Amino acid sequence: MPTSKPRFMVTVSDDMHKQIENYRFENRCKSQTQAINELIELGIKRVLTSDGELVEIKNDDPAISDGIDEKEREWLTVYSSLTPSNRRLLLGIAELLLQEQAADPDAQG
């Protein structure tokens, strides 16, 4: 269906194309365009401050890395590589463990 919305063409690597398709499948997007629009929105939200100003994000930025040790960084890297459904599963398990710990404060974690 024709649209009056702005359009543009983007060339992506094979790896990025696979990631887009994986996102599309995992999130049940109706089209590749919907998946790409959602990913762009997520990216924009990640780099904007609450005032709408752009923030440059660098891996070595102390504001991001401050207080995160190497083991935590490894876990974040692994978590980032998971599919959305596996992330939800992992978060569900973590929530159950926290509830268990709250019910029995003497339990060893």
PDB file of N, CA and C in Angstrom:
ATOM      1  N   MET A   1       0.845  -1.168   0.000  1.00  0.00           N
ATOM      2  CA  MET A   1       0.000   0.000   0.000  1.00  0.00           C
ATOM      3  C   MET A   1       0.896   1.240   0.000  1.00  0.00           C
ATOM      4  N   PRO A   2       0.670   2.176  -0.907  1.00  0.00           N
ATOM      5  CA  PRO A   2       1.486   3.386  -0.974  1.00  0.00           C
ATOM      6  C   PRO A   2       1.366   4.197   0.322  1.00  0.00           C
ATOM      7  N   THR A   3       2.442   4.903   0.639  1.00  0.00           N
ATOM      8  CA  THR A   3       2.452   5.725   1.837  1.00  0.00           C
ATOM      9  C   THR A   3       3.084   7.069   1.530  1.00  0.00           C
ATOM     10  N   SER A   4       2.682   8.071   2.286  1.00  0.00           N
ATOM     11  CA  SER A   4       3.289   9.393   2.125  1.00  0.00           C
ATOM     12  C   SER A   4       4.399   9.606   3.156  1.00  0.00           C
ATOM     13  N   LYS A   5       4.658   8.600   3.972  1.00  0.00           N
ATOM     14  CA  LYS A   5       5.709   8.697   4.987  1.00  0.00           C
ATOM     15  C   LYS A   5       7.075   8.704   4.303  1.00  0.00           C
ATOM     16  N   PRO A   6       8.053   9.359   4.944  1.00  0.00           N
ATOM     17  CA  PRO A   6       9.409   9.357   4.372  1.00  0.00           C
ATOM     18  C   PRO A   6       9.946   7.930   4.258  1.00  0.00           C
ATOM     19  N   ARG A   7      10.696   7.677   3.193  1.00  0.00           N
ATOM     20  CA  ARG A   7      11.271   6.360   2.967  1.00  0.00           C
ATOM     21  C   ARG A   7      12.756   6.513   2.706  1.00  0.00           C
ATOM     22  N   PHE A   8      13.515   5.486   3.064  1.00  0.00           N
ATOM     23  CA  PHE A   8      14.923   5.470   2.729  1.00  0.00           C
ATOM     24  C   PHE A   8      15.416   4.043   2.634  1.00  0.00           C
ATOM     25  N   MET A   9      16.553   3.865   1.965  1.00  0.00           N
ATOM     26  CA  MET A   9      17.121   2.545   1.766  1.00  0.00           C
ATOM     27  C   MET A   9      18.383   2.419   2.615  1.00  0.00           C
ATOM     28  N   VAL A  10      18.548   1.265   3.262  1.00  0.00           N
ATOM     29  CA  VAL A  10      19.714   1.018   4.101  1.00  0.00           C
ATOM     30  C   VAL A  10      20.336  -0.309   3.684  1.00  0.00           C
ATOM     31  N   THR A  11      21.638  -0.345   3.581  1.00  0.00           N
ATOM     32  CA  THR A  11      22.348  -1.584   3.294  1.00  0.00           C
ATOM     33  C   THR A  11      22.915  -2.110   4.609  1.00  0.00           C
ATOM     34  N   VAL A  12      22.680  -3.399   4.878  1.00  0.00           N
ATOM     35  CA  VAL A  12      23.163  -4.004   6.119  1.00  0.00           C
ATOM     36  C   VAL A  12      24.006  -5.235   5.800  1.00  0.00           C
ATOM     37  N   SER A  13      24.826  -5.628   6.759  1.00  0.00           N
ATOM     38  CA  SER A  13      25.632  -6.834   6.595  1.00  0.00           C
ATOM     39  C   SER A  13      24.743  -8.077   6.707  1.00  0.00           C
ATOM     40  N   ASP A  14      25.273  -9.209   6.273  1.00  0.00           N
ATOM     41  CA  ASP A  14      24.525 -10.462   6.405  1.00  0.00           C
ATOM     42  C   ASP A  14      24.197 -10.749   7.867  1.00  0.00           C
ATOM     43  N   ASP A  15      25.158 -10.472   8.756  1.00  0.00           N
ATOM     44  CA  ASP A  15      24.954 -10.719  10.178  1.00  0.00           C
ATOM     45  C   ASP A  15      23.827  -9.841  10.736  1.00  0.00           C
ATOM     46  N   MET A  16      23.835  -8.563  10.378  1.00  0.00           N
ATOM     47  CA  MET A  16      22.787  -7.673  10.852  1.00  0.00           C
ATOM     48  C   MET A  16      21.432  -8.082  10.290  1.00  0.00           C
ATOM     49  N   HIS A  17      21.409  -8.519   9.042  1.00  0.00           N
ATOM     50  CA  HIS A  17      20.161  -8.987   8.437  1.00  0.00           C
ATOM     51  C   HIS A  17      19.603 -10.174   9.220  1.00  0.00           C
ATOM     52  N   LYS A  18      20.472 -11.095   9.609  1.00  0.00           N
ATOM     53  CA  LYS A  18      20.044 -12.247  10.412  1.00  0.00           C
ATOM     54  C   LYS A  18      19.499 -11.789  11.760  1.00  0.00           C
ATOM     55  N   GLN A  19      20.161 -10.804  12.374  1.00  0.00           N
ATOM     56  CA  GLN A  19      19.696 -10.303  13.660  1.00  0.00           C
ATOM     57  C   GLN A  19      18.327  -9.637  13.538  1.00  0.00           C
ATOM     58  N   ILE A  20      18.129  -8.898  12.464  1.00  0.00           N
ATOM     59  CA  ILE A  20      16.819  -8.266  12.223  1.00  0.00           C
ATOM     60  C   ILE A  20      15.749  -9.330  12.040  1.00  0.00           C
ATOM     61  N   GLU A  21      16.049 -10.346  11.250  1.00  0.00           N
ATOM     62  CA  GLU A  21      15.085 -11.420  11.024  1.00  0.00           C
ATOM     63  C   GLU A  21      14.799 -12.195  12.310  1.00  0.00           C
ATOM     64  N   ASN A  22      15.835 -12.421  13.138  1.00  0.00           N
ATOM     65  CA  ASN A  22      15.626 -13.087  14.424  1.00  0.00           C
ATOM     66  C   ASN A  22      14.722 -12.253  15.327  1.00  0.00           C
ATOM     67  N   TYR A  23      14.963 -10.941  15.351  1.00  0.00           N
ATOM     68  CA  TYR A  23      14.111 -10.045  16.140  1.00  0.00           C
ATOM     69  C   TYR A  23      12.674 -10.113  15.628  1.00  0.00           C
ATOM     70  N   ARG A  24      12.537 -10.070  14.307  1.00  0.00           N
ATOM     71  CA  ARG A  24      11.206 -10.118  13.697  1.00  0.00           C
ATOM     72  C   ARG A  24      10.468 -11.379  14.102  1.00  0.00           C
ATOM     73  N   PHE A  25      11.142 -12.525  14.054  1.00  0.00           N
ATOM     74  CA  PHE A  25      10.523 -13.800  14.408  1.00  0.00           C
ATOM     75  C   PHE A  25      10.194 -13.847  15.895  1.00  0.00           C
ATOM     76  N   GLU A  26      11.176 -13.496  16.735  1.00  0.00           N
ATOM     77  CA  GLU A  26      10.994 -13.581  18.193  1.00  0.00           C
ATOM     78  C   GLU A  26       9.886 -12.657  18.692  1.00  0.00           C
ATOM     79  N   ASN A  27       9.706 -11.518  18.023  1.00  0.00           N
ATOM     80  CA  ASN A  27       8.721 -10.537  18.469  1.00  0.00           C
ATOM     81  C   ASN A  27       7.454 -10.540  17.625  1.00  0.00           C
ATOM     82  N   ARG A  28       7.343 -11.534  16.754  1.00  0.00           N
ATOM     83  CA  ARG A  28       6.152 -11.734  15.921  1.00  0.00           C
ATOM     84  C   ARG A  28       5.742 -10.475  15.151  1.00  0.00           C
ATOM     85  N   CYS A  29       6.753  -9.812  14.572  1.00  0.00           N
ATOM     86  CA  CYS A  29       6.486  -8.636  13.754  1.00  0.00           C
ATOM     87  C   CYS A  29       5.852  -9.084  12.444  1.00  0.00           C
ATOM     88  N   LYS A  30       4.881  -8.340  11.967  1.00  0.00           N
ATOM     89  CA  LYS A  30       4.165  -8.709  10.748  1.00  0.00           C
ATOM     90  C   LYS A  30       5.007  -8.521   9.491  1.00  0.00           C
ATOM     91  N   SER A  31       5.987  -7.612   9.585  1.00  0.00           N
ATOM     92  CA  SER A  31       6.818  -7.353   8.403  1.00  0.00           C
ATOM     93  C   SER A  31       8.230  -6.978   8.843  1.00  0.00           C
ATOM     94  N   GLN A  32       9.132  -7.032   7.881  1.00  0.00           N
ATOM     95  CA  GLN A  32      10.504  -6.621   8.150  1.00  0.00           C
ATOM     96  C   GLN A  32      10.532  -5.132   8.494  1.00  0.00           C
ATOM     97  N   THR A  33       9.700  -4.345   7.838  1.00  0.00           N
ATOM     98  CA  THR A  33       9.621  -2.911   8.109  1.00  0.00           C
ATOM     99  C   THR A  33       9.222  -2.654   9.558  1.00  0.00           C
ATOM    100  N   GLN A  34       8.233  -3.397  10.054  1.00  0.00           N
ATOM    101  CA  GLN A  34       7.813  -3.240  11.443  1.00  0.00           C
ATOM    102  C   GLN A  34       8.977  -3.569  12.384  1.00  0.00           C
ATOM    103  N   ALA A  35       9.696  -4.644  12.103  1.00  0.00           N
ATOM    104  CA  ALA A  35      10.828  -5.043  12.948  1.00  0.00           C
ATOM    105  C   ALA A  35      11.904  -3.958  12.948  1.00  0.00           C
ATOM    106  N   ILE A  36      12.236  -3.446  11.773  1.00  0.00           N
ATOM    107  CA  ILE A  36      13.272  -2.415  11.671  1.00  0.00           C
ATOM    108  C   ILE A  36      12.830  -1.138  12.378  1.00  0.00           C
ATOM    109  N   ASN A  37      11.569  -0.730  12.215  1.00  0.00           N
ATOM    110  CA  ASN A  37      11.060   0.461  12.903  1.00  0.00           C
ATOM    111  C   ASN A  37      11.148   0.297  14.421  1.00  0.00           C
ATOM    112  N   GLU A  38      10.781  -0.880  14.936  1.00  0.00           N
ATOM    113  CA  GLU A  38      10.859  -1.130  16.373  1.00  0.00           C
ATOM    114  C   GLU A  38      12.306  -1.066  16.859  1.00  0.00           C
ATOM    115  N   LEU A  39      13.219  -1.664  16.094  1.00  0.00           N
ATOM    116  CA  LEU A  39      14.631  -1.634  16.477  1.00  0.00           C
ATOM    117  C   LEU A  39      15.184  -0.214  16.459  1.00  0.00           C
ATOM    118  N   ILE A  40      14.776   0.569  15.482  1.00  0.00           N
ATOM    119  CA  ILE A  40      15.220   1.965  15.424  1.00  0.00           C
ATOM    120  C   ILE A  40      14.682   2.731  16.630  1.00  0.00           C
ATOM    121  N   GLU A  41      13.405   2.540  16.965  1.00  0.00           N
ATOM    122  CA  GLU A  41      12.811   3.208  18.128  1.00  0.00           C
ATOM    123  C   GLU A  41      13.551   2.826  19.409  1.00  0.00           C
ATOM    124  N   LEU A  42      13.867   1.532  19.567  1.00  0.00           N
ATOM    125  CA  LEU A  42      14.612   1.089  20.747  1.00  0.00           C
ATOM    126  C   LEU A  42      15.981   1.754  20.801  1.00  0.00           C
ATOM    127  N   GLY A  43      16.646   1.842  19.654  1.00  0.00           N
ATOM    128  CA  GLY A  43      17.955   2.478  19.601  1.00  0.00           C
ATOM    129  C   GLY A  43      17.880   3.958  19.933  1.00  0.00           C
ATOM    130  N   ILE A  44      16.885   4.641  19.412  1.00  0.00           N
ATOM    131  CA  ILE A  44      16.732   6.075  19.680  1.00  0.00           C
ATOM    132  C   ILE A  44      16.464   6.296  21.165  1.00  0.00           C
ATOM    133  N   LYS A  45      15.580   5.486  21.756  1.00  0.00           N
ATOM    134  CA  LYS A  45      15.291   5.630  23.190  1.00  0.00           C
ATOM    135  C   LYS A  45      16.543   5.414  24.021  1.00  0.00           C
ATOM    136  N   ARG A  46      17.427   4.550  23.554  1.00  0.00           N
ATOM    137  CA  ARG A  46      18.644   4.248  24.302  1.00  0.00           C
ATOM    138  C   ARG A  46      19.637   5.404  24.292  1.00  0.00           C
ATOM    139  N   VAL A  47      19.618   6.218  23.253  1.00  0.00           N
ATOM    140  CA  VAL A  47      20.614   7.283  23.151  1.00  0.00           C
ATOM    141  C   VAL A  47      20.050   8.681  23.414  1.00  0.00           C
ATOM    142  N   LEU A  48      18.834   8.778  23.927  1.00  0.00           N
ATOM    143  CA  LEU A  48      18.266  10.071  24.258  1.00  0.00           C
ATOM    144  C   LEU A  48      18.175  10.237  25.768  1.00  0.00           C
ATOM    145  N   THR A  49      18.448  11.433  26.250  1.00  0.00           N
ATOM    146  CA  THR A  49      18.249  11.729  27.663  1.00  0.00           C
ATOM    147  C   THR A  49      16.765  12.011  27.875  1.00  0.00           C
ATOM    148  N   SER A  50      16.378  12.219  29.115  1.00  0.00           N
ATOM    149  CA  SER A  50      14.973  12.534  29.399  1.00  0.00           C
ATOM    150  C   SER A  50      14.567  13.883  28.801  1.00  0.00           C
ATOM    151  N   ASP A  51      15.549  14.738  28.508  1.00  0.00           N
ATOM    152  CA  ASP A  51      15.278  16.037  27.879  1.00  0.00           C
ATOM    153  C   ASP A  51      15.223  15.947  26.358  1.00  0.00           C
ATOM    154  N   GLY A  52      15.441  14.748  25.801  1.00  0.00           N
ATOM    155  CA  GLY A  52      15.428  14.591  24.357  1.00  0.00           C
ATOM    156  C   GLY A  52      16.754  14.883  23.702  1.00  0.00           C
ATOM    157  N   GLU A  53      17.798  15.125  24.504  1.00  0.00           N
ATOM    158  CA  GLU A  53      19.129  15.385  23.959  1.00  0.00           C
ATOM    159  C   GLU A  53      19.835  14.070  23.666  1.00  0.00           C
ATOM    160  N   LEU A  54      20.602  14.053  22.590  1.00  0.00           N
ATOM    161  CA  LEU A  54      21.366  12.852  22.246  1.00  0.00           C
ATOM    162  C   LEU A  54      22.547  12.675  23.185  1.00  0.00           C
ATOM    163  N   VAL A  55      22.783  11.431  23.563  1.00  0.00           N
ATOM    164  CA  VAL A  55      23.914  11.094  24.419  1.00  0.00           C
ATOM    165  C   VAL A  55      24.798  10.129  23.659  1.00  0.00           C
ATOM    166  N   GLU A  56      26.089  10.410  23.635  1.00  0.00           N
ATOM    167  CA  GLU A  56      27.015   9.493  22.975  1.00  0.00           C
ATOM    168  C   GLU A  56      27.329   8.367  23.952  1.00  0.00           C
ATOM    169  N   ILE A  57      27.098   7.133  23.529  1.00  0.00           N
ATOM    170  CA  ILE A  57      27.349   5.975  24.380  1.00  0.00           C
ATOM    171  C   ILE A  57      28.584   5.268  23.877  1.00  0.00           C
ATOM    172  N   LYS A  58      29.555   5.120  24.761  1.00  0.00           N
ATOM    173  CA  LYS A  58      30.780   4.408  24.427  1.00  0.00           C
ATOM    174  C   LYS A  58      30.947   3.268  25.419  1.00  0.00           C
ATOM    175  N   ASN A  59      31.536   2.172  24.984  1.00  0.00           N
ATOM    176  CA  ASN A  59      31.763   1.043  25.885  1.00  0.00           C
ATOM    177  C   ASN A  59      32.684   1.413  27.042  1.00  0.00           C
ATOM    178  N   ASP A  60      33.594   2.363  26.829  1.00  0.00           N
ATOM    179  CA  ASP A  60      34.521   2.739  27.884  1.00  0.00           C
ATOM    180  C   ASP A  60      34.048   3.963  28.664  1.00  0.00           C
ATOM    181  N   ASP A  61      32.795   4.377  28.466  1.00  0.00           N
ATOM    182  CA  ASP A  61      32.234   5.519  29.168  1.00  0.00           C
ATOM    183  C   ASP A  61      32.114   5.193  30.658  1.00  0.00           C
ATOM    184  N   PRO A  62      32.779   5.960  31.548  1.00  0.00           N
ATOM    185  CA  PRO A  62      32.730   5.659  32.977  1.00  0.00           C
ATOM    186  C   PRO A  62      31.311   5.710  33.538  1.00  0.00           C
ATOM    187  N   ALA A  63      30.437   6.537  32.948  1.00  0.00           N
ATOM    188  CA  ALA A  63      29.060   6.611  33.444  1.00  0.00           C
ATOM    189  C   ALA A  63      28.333   5.289  33.254  1.00  0.00           C
ATOM    190  N   ILE A  64      28.740   4.529  32.231  1.00  0.00           N
ATOM    191  CA  ILE A  64      28.110   3.242  31.968  1.00  0.00           C
ATOM    192  C   ILE A  64      28.821   2.134  32.727  1.00  0.00           C
ATOM    193  N   SER A  65      30.144   2.178  32.740  1.00  0.00           N
ATOM    194  CA  SER A  65      30.906   1.079  33.314  1.00  0.00           C
ATOM    195  C   SER A  65      31.142   1.236  34.810  1.00  0.00           C
ATOM    196  N   ASP A  66      30.915   2.429  35.363  1.00  0.00           N
ATOM    197  CA  ASP A  66      31.190   2.678  36.769  1.00  0.00           C
ATOM    198  C   ASP A  66      30.400   1.716  37.654  1.00  0.00           C
ATOM    199  N   GLY A  67      31.133   1.016  38.506  1.00  0.00           N
ATOM    200  CA  GLY A  67      30.487   0.103  39.443  1.00  0.00           C
ATOM    201  C   GLY A  67      30.216  -1.273  38.891  1.00  0.00           C
ATOM    202  N   ILE A  68      30.598  -1.544  37.666  1.00  0.00           N
ATOM    203  CA  ILE A  68      30.383  -2.868  37.072  1.00  0.00           C
ATOM    204  C   ILE A  68      31.719  -3.578  36.998  1.00  0.00           C
ATOM    205  N   ASP A  69      31.807  -4.723  37.675  1.00  0.00           N
ATOM    206  CA  ASP A  69      33.073  -5.457  37.631  1.00  0.00           C
ATOM    207  C   ASP A  69      33.110  -6.374  36.401  1.00  0.00           C
ATOM    208  N   GLU A  70      34.234  -7.040  36.183  1.00  0.00           N
ATOM    209  CA  GLU A  70      34.420  -7.884  34.987  1.00  0.00           C
ATOM    210  C   GLU A  70      33.394  -9.006  34.914  1.00  0.00           C
ATOM    211  N   LYS A  71      33.099  -9.653  36.036  1.00  0.00           N
ATOM    212  CA  LYS A  71      32.139 -10.763  36.038  1.00  0.00           C
ATOM    213  C   LYS A  71      30.748 -10.264  35.645  1.00  0.00           C
ATOM    214  N   GLU A  72      30.344  -9.117  36.196  1.00  0.00           N
ATOM    215  CA  GLU A  72      29.049  -8.544  35.831  1.00  0.00           C
ATOM    216  C   GLU A  72      29.012  -8.178  34.351  1.00  0.00           C
ATOM    217  N   ARG A  73      30.134  -7.643  33.842  1.00  0.00           N
ATOM    218  CA  ARG A  73      30.205  -7.287  32.418  1.00  0.00           C
ATOM    219  C   ARG A  73      30.051  -8.533  31.545  1.00  0.00           C
ATOM    220  N   GLU A  74      30.676  -9.649  31.967  1.00  0.00           N
ATOM    221  CA  GLU A  74      30.533 -10.917  31.232  1.00  0.00           C
ATOM    222  C   GLU A  74      29.073 -11.352  31.199  1.00  0.00           C
ATOM    223  N   TRP A  75      28.398 -11.261  32.348  1.00  0.00           N
ATOM    224  CA  TRP A  75      26.982 -11.640  32.405  1.00  0.00           C
ATOM    225  C   TRP A  75      26.134 -10.744  31.505  1.00  0.00           C
ATOM    226  N   LEU A  76      26.419  -9.451  31.498  1.00  0.00           N
ATOM    227  CA  LEU A  76      25.686  -8.530  30.639  1.00  0.00           C
ATOM    228  C   LEU A  76      25.891  -8.860  29.167  1.00  0.00           C
ATOM    229  N   THR A  77      27.105  -9.250  28.813  1.00  0.00           N
ATOM    230  CA  THR A  77      27.398  -9.634  27.436  1.00  0.00           C
ATOM    231  C   THR A  77      26.610 -10.875  27.047  1.00  0.00           C
ATOM    232  N   VAL A  78      26.593 -11.861  27.932  1.00  0.00           N
ATOM    233  CA  VAL A  78      25.834 -13.090  27.662  1.00  0.00           C
ATOM    234  C   VAL A  78      24.346 -12.764  27.552  1.00  0.00           C
ATOM    235  N   TYR A  79      23.825 -11.972  28.499  1.00  0.00           N
ATOM    236  CA  TYR A  79      22.409 -11.600  28.482  1.00  0.00           C
ATOM    237  C   TYR A  79      22.055 -10.883  27.179  1.00  0.00           C
ATOM    238  N   SER A  80      22.924  -9.996  26.730  1.00  0.00           N
ATOM    239  CA  SER A  80      22.675  -9.246  25.492  1.00  0.00           C
ATOM    240  C   SER A  80      22.591 -10.153  24.273  1.00  0.00           C
ATOM    241  N   SER A  81      23.263 -11.299  24.334  1.00  0.00           N
ATOM    242  CA  SER A  81      23.270 -12.202  23.187  1.00  0.00           C
ATOM    243  C   SER A  81      22.053 -13.132  23.154  1.00  0.00           C
ATOM    244  N   LEU A  82      21.255 -13.139  24.228  1.00  0.00           N
ATOM    245  CA  LEU A  82      20.092 -14.023  24.281  1.00  0.00           C
ATOM    246  C   LEU A  82      18.951 -13.498  23.419  1.00  0.00           C
ATOM    247  N   THR A  83      18.107 -14.402  22.963  1.00  0.00           N
ATOM    248  CA  THR A  83      16.899 -14.001  22.245  1.00  0.00           C
ATOM    249  C   THR A  83      15.919 -13.399  23.252  1.00  0.00           C
ATOM    250  N   PRO A  84      14.967 -12.588  22.808  1.00  0.00           N
ATOM    251  CA  PRO A  84      14.000 -12.003  23.744  1.00  0.00           C
ATOM    252  C   PRO A  84      13.256 -13.056  24.581  1.00  0.00           C
ATOM    253  N   SER A  85      12.892 -14.183  23.981  1.00  0.00           N
ATOM    254  CA  SER A  85      12.177 -15.197  24.761  1.00  0.00           C
ATOM    255  C   SER A  85      13.082 -15.818  25.818  1.00  0.00           C
ATOM    256  N   ASN A  86      14.363 -16.009  25.504  1.00  0.00           N
ATOM    257  CA  ASN A  86      15.297 -16.538  26.505  1.00  0.00           C
ATOM    258  C   ASN A  86      15.580 -15.512  27.597  1.00  0.00           C
ATOM    259  N   ARG A  87      15.572 -14.230  27.251  1.00  0.00           N
ATOM    260  CA  ARG A  87      15.738 -13.192  28.264  1.00  0.00           C
ATOM    261  C   ARG A  87      14.564 -13.225  29.236  1.00  0.00           C
ATOM    262  N   ARG A  88      13.335 -13.346  28.692  1.00  0.00           N
ATOM    263  CA  ARG A  88      12.158 -13.408  29.557  1.00  0.00           C
ATOM    264  C   ARG A  88      12.217 -14.635  30.466  1.00  0.00           C
ATOM    265  N   LEU A  89      12.658 -15.758  29.929  1.00  0.00           N
ATOM    266  CA  LEU A  89      12.797 -16.978  30.717  1.00  0.00           C
ATOM    267  C   LEU A  89      13.805 -16.773  31.843  1.00  0.00           C
ATOM    268  N   LEU A  90      14.947 -16.205  31.531  1.00  0.00           N
ATOM    269  CA  LEU A  90      15.980 -15.958  32.536  1.00  0.00           C
ATOM    270  C   LEU A  90      15.482 -15.005  33.616  1.00  0.00           C
ATOM    271  N   LEU A  91      14.785 -13.936  33.212  1.00  0.00           N
ATOM    272  CA  LEU A  91      14.252 -12.996  34.188  1.00  0.00           C
ATOM    273  C   LEU A  91      13.188 -13.648  35.072  1.00  0.00           C
ATOM    274  N   GLY A  92      12.392 -14.554  34.501  1.00  0.00           N
ATOM    275  CA  GLY A  92      11.397 -15.292  35.287  1.00  0.00           C
ATOM    276  C   GLY A  92      12.059 -16.168  36.334  1.00  0.00           C
ATOM    277  N   ILE A  93      13.129 -16.834  35.947  1.00  0.00           N
ATOM    278  CA  ILE A  93      13.875 -17.680  36.894  1.00  0.00           C
ATOM    279  C   ILE A  93      14.461 -16.815  38.003  1.00  0.00           C
ATOM    280  N   ALA A  94      15.044 -15.680  37.630  1.00  0.00           N
ATOM    281  CA  ALA A  94      15.636 -14.782  38.627  1.00  0.00           C
ATOM    282  C   ALA A  94      14.573 -14.288  39.603  1.00  0.00           C
ATOM    283  N   GLU A  95      13.386 -13.964  39.091  1.00  0.00           N
ATOM    284  CA  GLU A  95      12.295 -13.503  39.950  1.00  0.00           C
ATOM    285  C   GLU A  95      11.883 -14.592  40.941  1.00  0.00           C
ATOM    286  N   LEU A  96      11.792 -15.838  40.466  1.00  0.00           N
ATOM    287  CA  LEU A  96      11.458 -16.947  41.362  1.00  0.00           C
ATOM    288  C   LEU A  96      12.516 -17.127  42.441  1.00  0.00           C
ATOM    289  N   LEU A  97      13.782 -17.013  42.073  1.00  0.00           N
ATOM    290  CA  LEU A  97      14.868 -17.148  43.050  1.00  0.00           C
ATOM    291  C   LEU A  97      14.811 -16.031  44.086  1.00  0.00           C
ATOM    292  N   LEU A  98      14.514 -14.811  43.651  1.00  0.00           N
ATOM    293  CA  LEU A  98      14.403 -13.696  44.586  1.00  0.00           C
ATOM    294  C   LEU A  98      13.222 -13.883  45.535  1.00  0.00           C
ATOM    295  N   GLN A  99      12.106 -14.405  45.026  1.00  0.00           N
ATOM    296  CA  GLN A  99      10.947 -14.672  45.879  1.00  0.00           C
ATOM    297  C   GLN A  99      11.273 -15.748  46.903  1.00  0.00           C
ATOM    298  N   GLU A 100      11.992 -16.781  46.453  1.00  0.00           N
ATOM    299  CA  GLU A 100      12.412 -17.857  47.347  1.00  0.00           C
ATOM    300  C   GLU A 100      13.321 -17.313  48.441  1.00  0.00           C
ATOM    301  N   GLN A 101      14.260 -16.466  48.044  1.00  0.00           N
ATOM    302  CA  GLN A 101      15.198 -15.882  49.002  1.00  0.00           C
ATOM    303  C   GLN A 101      14.468 -14.984  49.994  1.00  0.00           C
ATOM    304  N   ALA A 102      13.476 -14.225  49.525  1.00  0.00           N
ATOM    305  CA  ALA A 102      12.721 -13.345  50.414  1.00  0.00           C
ATOM    306  C   ALA A 102      11.900 -14.161  51.412  1.00  0.00           C
ATOM    307  N   ALA A 103      11.405 -15.313  50.986  1.00  0.00           N
ATOM    308  CA  ALA A 103      10.610 -16.171  51.866  1.00  0.00           C
ATOM    309  C   ALA A 103      11.483 -16.845  52.912  1.00  0.00           C
ATOM    310  N   ASP A 104      12.754 -17.108  52.588  1.00  0.00           N
ATOM    311  CA  ASP A 104      13.681 -17.781  53.500  1.00  0.00           C
ATOM    312  C   ASP A 104      14.992 -17.000  53.542  1.00  0.00           C
ATOM    313  N   PRO A 105      15.064 -15.929  54.364  1.00  0.00           N
ATOM    314  CA  PRO A 105      16.260 -15.087  54.389  1.00  0.00           C
ATOM    315  C   PRO A 105      17.521 -15.816  54.831  1.00  0.00           C
ATOM    316  N   ASP A 106      17.391 -16.975  55.489  1.00  0.00           N
ATOM    317  CA  ASP A 106      18.555 -17.720  55.936  1.00  0.00           C
ATOM    318  C   ASP A 106      19.155 -18.585  54.838  1.00  0.00           C
ATOM    319  N   ALA A 107      18.436 -18.703  53.695  1.00  0.00           N
ATOM    320  CA  ALA A 107      18.925 -19.536  52.589  1.00  0.00           C
ATOM    321  C   ALA A 107      20.187 -18.928  51.998  1.00  0.00           C
ATOM    322  N   GLN A 108      21.115 -19.771  51.634  1.00  0.00           N
ATOM    323  CA  GLN A 108      22.357 -19.307  51.022  1.00  0.00           C
ATOM    324  C   GLN A 108      22.140 -19.085  49.535  1.00  0.00           C
ATOM    325  N   GLY A 109      22.587 -17.946  48.970  1.00  0.00           N
ATOM    326  CA  GLY A 109      22.412 -17.621  47.567  1.00  0.00           C
ATOM    327  C   GLY A 109      23.606 -17.942  46.835  1.00  0.00           C
TER     328      GLY A 109
END
